[in-house]
Structure formats: C-alpha cells, structure tokens
Protein backbone atom coordinates (compact mmCIF):
# COMPACT_ATOMS: atom_id res chain seq x y z
CA MET A 1 100.22 113.50 162.97
CA ASP A 2 101.64 115.37 165.94
CA ALA A 3 103.70 118.58 165.81
CA GLU A 4 107.05 116.80 166.16
CA SER A 5 106.47 114.43 163.23
CA ALA A 6 105.29 117.21 160.85
CA PRO A 7 107.74 118.33 158.16
CA SER A 8 109.90 121.30 159.08
CA THR A 9 108.25 123.48 156.40
CA TRP A 10 104.86 122.93 158.04
CA ARG A 11 106.26 123.79 161.45
CA GLY A 12 107.71 127.02 160.02
CA GLU A 13 104.45 127.99 158.30
CA ARG A 14 102.47 127.19 161.46
CA LYS A 15 104.73 129.42 163.53
CA ARG A 16 104.49 132.26 161.00
CA TYR A 17 100.70 131.87 160.87
CA LEU A 18 100.41 132.11 164.66
CA ASP A 19 102.59 135.27 164.58
CA CYS A 20 100.73 136.85 161.63
CA GLY A 21 99.37 140.32 162.29
CA LEU A 22 100.76 140.68 165.82
CA PHE A 23 102.18 144.13 166.53
CA GLU A 24 104.87 142.77 168.87
CA ASN A 25 106.39 140.93 165.87
CA GLY A 26 106.85 144.11 163.87
CA PHE A 27 104.81 146.81 162.22
CA ALA A 28 105.05 149.79 159.92
CA ARG A 29 103.80 153.29 160.65
CA VAL A 30 101.74 154.48 157.67
CA ARG A 31 100.96 158.17 157.12
CA CYS A 32 98.48 159.62 154.63
CA PRO A 33 100.25 162.28 152.51
CA ASP A 34 97.05 164.34 152.18
CA CYS A 35 95.52 164.45 155.67
CA HIS A 36 98.62 163.30 157.65
CA ALA A 37 96.60 160.70 159.57
CA GLU A 38 98.76 157.86 160.91
CA TYR A 39 98.06 154.25 161.70
CA LEU A 40 100.06 151.12 162.45
CA LEU A 41 100.09 148.19 160.04
CA ALA A 42 101.25 144.84 161.48
CA PHE A 43 103.47 142.66 159.29
CA SER A 44 101.87 139.55 157.78
CA CYS A 45 103.23 136.02 157.48
CA LYS A 46 102.81 135.81 153.66
CA THR A 47 102.28 132.04 153.76
CA ARG A 48 100.50 130.51 150.79
CA ASP A 49 98.43 127.72 152.31
CA LEU A 50 97.75 128.03 155.99
CA CYS A 51 96.82 131.65 156.76
CA PRO A 52 93.33 132.59 155.53
CA SER A 53 94.07 136.32 155.73
CA CYS A 54 97.20 136.13 153.57
CA ALA A 55 95.57 133.68 151.15
CA ALA A 56 92.58 136.01 150.70
CA ARG A 57 94.92 138.95 150.08
CA ARG A 58 96.78 136.95 147.43
CA ALA A 59 93.50 135.85 145.80
CA ALA A 60 92.28 139.47 145.65
CA ALA A 61 95.57 140.60 144.09
CA THR A 62 95.33 137.82 141.49
CA ALA A 63 91.74 138.82 140.67
CA VAL A 64 92.81 142.43 140.12
CA LEU A 65 95.67 141.31 137.89
CA LEU A 66 93.34 139.13 135.80
CA ALA A 67 90.71 141.86 135.49
CA ASP A 68 93.17 144.63 134.60
CA ASP A 69 95.86 142.94 132.53
CA VAL A 70 94.80 139.51 131.33
CA LEU A 71 91.09 139.35 130.48
CA GLU A 72 89.54 141.38 127.68
CA ASP A 73 86.86 143.93 128.56
CA VAL A 74 84.01 141.92 127.04
CA GLY A 75 81.04 140.11 128.45
CA HIS A 76 81.86 136.71 129.89
CA ALA A 77 79.19 134.05 130.38
CA GLN A 78 79.17 131.00 132.58
CA TRP A 79 76.96 128.05 131.66
CA VAL A 80 76.05 125.32 134.13
CA LEU A 81 74.72 121.91 133.08
CA THR A 82 72.56 120.25 135.70
CA LEU A 83 71.52 116.60 135.45
CA TRP A 84 68.79 114.98 137.46
CA SER A 85 69.96 112.47 139.98
CA GLN A 86 68.07 109.68 138.15
CA THR A 87 69.85 110.50 134.90
CA TRP A 88 73.19 110.59 136.69
CA CYS A 89 72.49 107.23 138.29
CA CYS A 90 71.49 105.61 134.99
CA GLY A 91 74.49 107.12 133.21
CA SER A 92 76.90 105.71 135.76
CA MET A 93 75.35 102.24 135.35
CA LEU A 94 75.90 102.32 131.58
CA THR A 95 79.67 102.81 131.89
C-alpha cells in the first residue's frame, strides 16, 4: 500500500507522528514554582496507534489510573500453565 492509497486518517496520523516533539511545531515554556528553573516542552501528536512515545505515555497514565483508583490494595497473583510440546501436539491431534 503506497501513501496515496492509504486512508486519509492514516495519512493524518502519519503526518502528526512525523511532527511529534518538534519544537518548530509548537512548545510550552514550563517554569518550576519553587526553584524558577525553566525548560521548553514540545507539543506531542497524541495519536493512539502510530507514535510509540505517545502510546507509552497513554499506557503509563492508564497504569496509574488502575493502580490508584480501580484495583484494590491487595496482593495479586499471576499463574502460568506451561505444557510440554509433546503434550500440546498430542492434544491437538485428539480434537
């Protein structure tokens, strides 16, 4: 699939991804209220699928929301069942 045949939403997300984090596309000046140190923060594209930086930021925000507001503060366990490859092979032949 070439760029011209891609849906317009993909073309828009691709363009935003390529412009993500570039200072020439806009930024905010952030100042610490305590020490008065300043730095520049480039605007992000906020796309959901294509940009790994924005997707990681969204995943981290979701993890914080789950930990703080959704999940109880109790121990959680994860159990993993592992089958030998021979057992898996025999099981698939029985079905």
